[in-house]
Amino acid sequence: MAQALRPNTAGSLFATDGKTHPLQDSLTAVTLALGLIAFITSFFPSLNLLSSWTGLIGICTGLYGQWISITTRERFGLILGLGASGIGFFIGMANGGLFG
């Protein structure tokens, strides 16, 4: 069979093209972490500064990551982080905003 399937052992967890993408993987991880922090802290109205600022920074890193992303797996993680960052940002803004 000419097209035998071989497992992809080269590259990172998020790379589906066989190459490493350290910047894109780092932006994905940072966006997911910031989105998780913003989402969780948005449930506490007294943490509105933390949720709004982490949400805003998560949105910015996620948008830049989307701009330079290469593979679908990176984009999937970035979209999850962007969604969580957006929810945290908007709830933080509703509870008092960026400057209290």
C-alpha atoms as a PDB file:
ATOM      1  CA  MET A   1       0.000   0.000   0.000  1.00  0.00           C
ATOM      2  CA  ALA A   2       1.564   3.253  -1.121  1.00  0.00           C
ATOM      3  CA  GLN A   3      -0.030   5.495   1.502  1.00  0.00           C
ATOM      4  CA  ALA A   4       0.681   3.595   4.695  1.00  0.00           C
ATOM      5  CA  LEU A   5      -0.279   5.481   7.818  1.00  0.00           C
ATOM      6  CA  ARG A   6       2.500   6.295  10.246  1.00  0.00           C
ATOM      7  CA  PRO A   7       2.059   7.888  13.657  1.00  0.00           C
ATOM      8  CA  ASN A   8       3.123  11.502  13.941  1.00  0.00           C
ATOM      9  CA  THR A   9       5.970  11.440  16.456  1.00  0.00           C
ATOM     10  CA  ALA A  10       7.635  14.715  15.481  1.00  0.00           C
ATOM     11  CA  GLY A  11       6.460  18.109  16.630  1.00  0.00           C
ATOM     12  CA  SER A  12       4.537  19.352  19.592  1.00  0.00           C
ATOM     13  CA  LEU A  13       1.166  18.461  21.037  1.00  0.00           C
ATOM     14  CA  PHE A  14      -0.653  21.123  19.015  1.00  0.00           C
ATOM     15  CA  ALA A  15       1.227  20.773  15.720  1.00  0.00           C
ATOM     16  CA  THR A  16      -0.487  18.648  13.090  1.00  0.00           C
ATOM     17  CA  ASP A  17       1.945  19.474  10.316  1.00  0.00           C
ATOM     18  CA  GLY A  18       4.941  17.748  11.923  1.00  0.00           C
ATOM     19  CA  LYS A  19       6.759  20.970  12.807  1.00  0.00           C
ATOM     20  CA  THR A  20       7.197  22.653  16.161  1.00  0.00           C
ATOM     21  CA  HIS A  21       5.462  25.964  16.810  1.00  0.00           C
ATOM     22  CA  PRO A  22       6.757  27.171  20.190  1.00  0.00           C
ATOM     23  CA  LEU A  23       5.369  30.722  19.953  1.00  0.00           C
ATOM     24  CA  GLN A  24       1.922  29.605  18.894  1.00  0.00           C
ATOM     25  CA  ASP A  25       1.828  26.879  21.562  1.00  0.00           C
ATOM     26  CA  SER A  26       2.888  29.380  24.224  1.00  0.00           C
ATOM     27  CA  LEU A  27       0.205  31.856  23.167  1.00  0.00           C
ATOM     28  CA  THR A  28      -2.388  29.085  23.257  1.00  0.00           C
ATOM     29  CA  ALA A  29      -1.383  28.066  26.778  1.00  0.00           C
ATOM     30  CA  VAL A  30      -1.289  31.676  28.027  1.00  0.00           C
ATOM     31  CA  THR A  31      -4.680  32.451  26.480  1.00  0.00           C
ATOM     32  CA  LEU A  32      -6.234  29.342  28.020  1.00  0.00           C
ATOM     33  CA  ALA A  33      -4.757  30.139  31.447  1.00  0.00           C
ATOM     34  CA  LEU A  34      -5.865  33.778  31.363  1.00  0.00           C
ATOM     35  CA  GLY A  35      -9.307  32.775  30.136  1.00  0.00           C
ATOM     36  CA  LEU A  36      -9.693  30.263  32.935  1.00  0.00           C
ATOM     37  CA  ILE A  37      -8.638  32.815  35.550  1.00  0.00           C
ATOM     38  CA  ALA A  38     -10.945  35.486  34.111  1.00  0.00           C
ATOM     39  CA  PHE A  39     -13.879  33.087  33.899  1.00  0.00           C
ATOM     40  CA  ILE A  40     -13.509  31.755  37.452  1.00  0.00           C
ATOM     41  CA  THR A  41     -12.916  35.142  39.067  1.00  0.00           C
ATOM     42  CA  SER A  42     -15.928  36.637  37.287  1.00  0.00           C
ATOM     43  CA  PHE A  43     -18.176  34.677  39.672  1.00  0.00           C
ATOM     44  CA  PHE A  44     -16.957  36.859  42.547  1.00  0.00           C
ATOM     45  CA  PRO A  45     -18.034  40.521  42.205  1.00  0.00           C
ATOM     46  CA  SER A  46     -15.254  41.701  44.520  1.00  0.00           C
ATOM     47  CA  LEU A  47     -12.652  40.363  42.052  1.00  0.00           C
ATOM     48  CA  ASN A  48     -13.866  42.522  39.178  1.00  0.00           C
ATOM     49  CA  LEU A  49     -10.444  44.111  38.646  1.00  0.00           C
ATOM     50  CA  LEU A  50      -8.741  40.728  38.281  1.00  0.00           C
ATOM     51  CA  SER A  51     -11.401  39.278  36.000  1.00  0.00           C
ATOM     52  CA  SER A  52     -11.604  42.334  33.742  1.00  0.00           C
ATOM     53  CA  TRP A  53      -7.839  42.791  33.364  1.00  0.00           C
ATOM     54  CA  THR A  54      -7.063  39.092  32.838  1.00  0.00           C
ATOM     55  CA  GLY A  55      -9.954  38.916  30.393  1.00  0.00           C
ATOM     56  CA  LEU A  56      -8.665  41.896  28.435  1.00  0.00           C
ATOM     57  CA  ILE A  57      -5.110  40.550  28.304  1.00  0.00           C
ATOM     58  CA  GLY A  58      -6.446  37.100  27.376  1.00  0.00           C
ATOM     59  CA  ILE A  59      -8.446  38.605  24.527  1.00  0.00           C
ATOM     60  CA  CYS A  60      -5.378  40.467  23.224  1.00  0.00           C
ATOM     61  CA  THR A  61      -3.079  37.424  23.390  1.00  0.00           C
ATOM     62  CA  GLY A  62      -5.764  35.231  21.871  1.00  0.00           C
ATOM     63  CA  LEU A  63      -6.329  37.570  18.947  1.00  0.00           C
ATOM     64  CA  TYR A  64      -2.608  37.777  18.242  1.00  0.00           C
ATOM     65  CA  GLY A  65      -2.383  33.992  18.530  1.00  0.00           C
ATOM     66  CA  GLN A  66      -5.223  33.615  16.031  1.00  0.00           C
ATOM     67  CA  TRP A  67      -3.444  35.956  13.672  1.00  0.00           C
ATOM     68  CA  ILE A  68      -0.222  33.906  13.644  1.00  0.00           C
ATOM     69  CA  SER A  69      -1.654  30.409  14.254  1.00  0.00           C
ATOM     70  CA  ILE A  70      -0.901  27.715  11.747  1.00  0.00           C
ATOM     71  CA  THR A  71      -2.793  24.563  12.701  1.00  0.00           C
ATOM     72  CA  THR A  72      -6.408  23.844  13.575  1.00  0.00           C
ATOM     73  CA  ARG A  73      -5.497  22.485  17.006  1.00  0.00           C
ATOM     74  CA  GLU A  74      -3.896  25.788  17.956  1.00  0.00           C
ATOM     75  CA  ARG A  75      -6.942  27.691  16.764  1.00  0.00           C
ATOM     76  CA  PHE A  76      -9.265  25.419  18.741  1.00  0.00           C
ATOM     77  CA  GLY A  77      -7.427  26.107  22.001  1.00  0.00           C
ATOM     78  CA  LEU A  78      -7.257  29.805  21.224  1.00  0.00           C
ATOM     79  CA  ILE A  79     -11.003  29.993  20.599  1.00  0.00           C
ATOM     80  CA  LEU A  80     -11.716  28.290  23.930  1.00  0.00           C
ATOM     81  CA  GLY A  81      -9.413  30.737  25.707  1.00  0.00           C
ATOM     82  CA  LEU A  82     -10.885  33.700  23.853  1.00  0.00           C
ATOM     83  CA  GLY A  83     -14.409  32.694  24.801  1.00  0.00           C
ATOM     84  CA  ALA A  84     -13.550  32.286  28.479  1.00  0.00           C
ATOM     85  CA  SER A  85     -11.587  35.555  28.444  1.00  0.00           C
ATOM     86  CA  GLY A  86     -14.475  37.375  26.808  1.00  0.00           C
ATOM     87  CA  ILE A  87     -17.003  36.100  29.332  1.00  0.00           C
ATOM     88  CA  GLY A  88     -14.721  37.003  32.236  1.00  0.00           C
ATOM     89  CA  PHE A  89     -13.976  40.404  30.751  1.00  0.00           C
ATOM     90  CA  PHE A  90     -17.607  41.351  30.174  1.00  0.00           C
ATOM     91  CA  ILE A  91     -18.806  40.138  33.575  1.00  0.00           C
ATOM     92  CA  GLY A  92     -15.876  41.945  35.203  1.00  0.00           C
ATOM     93  CA  MET A  93     -16.826  45.110  33.341  1.00  0.00           C
ATOM     94  CA  ALA A  94     -20.433  44.739  34.492  1.00  0.00           C
ATOM     95  CA  ASN A  95     -19.310  44.402  38.114  1.00  0.00           C
ATOM     96  CA  GLY A  96     -17.146  47.515  38.189  1.00  0.00           C
ATOM     97  CA  GLY A  97     -14.801  47.684  35.233  1.00  0.00           C
ATOM     98  CA  LEU A  98     -11.075  47.987  34.776  1.00  0.00           C
ATOM     99  CA  PHE A  99     -10.517  50.682  37.356  1.00  0.00           C
ATOM    100  CA  GLY A 100     -13.069  49.789  40.021  1.00  0.00           C
END
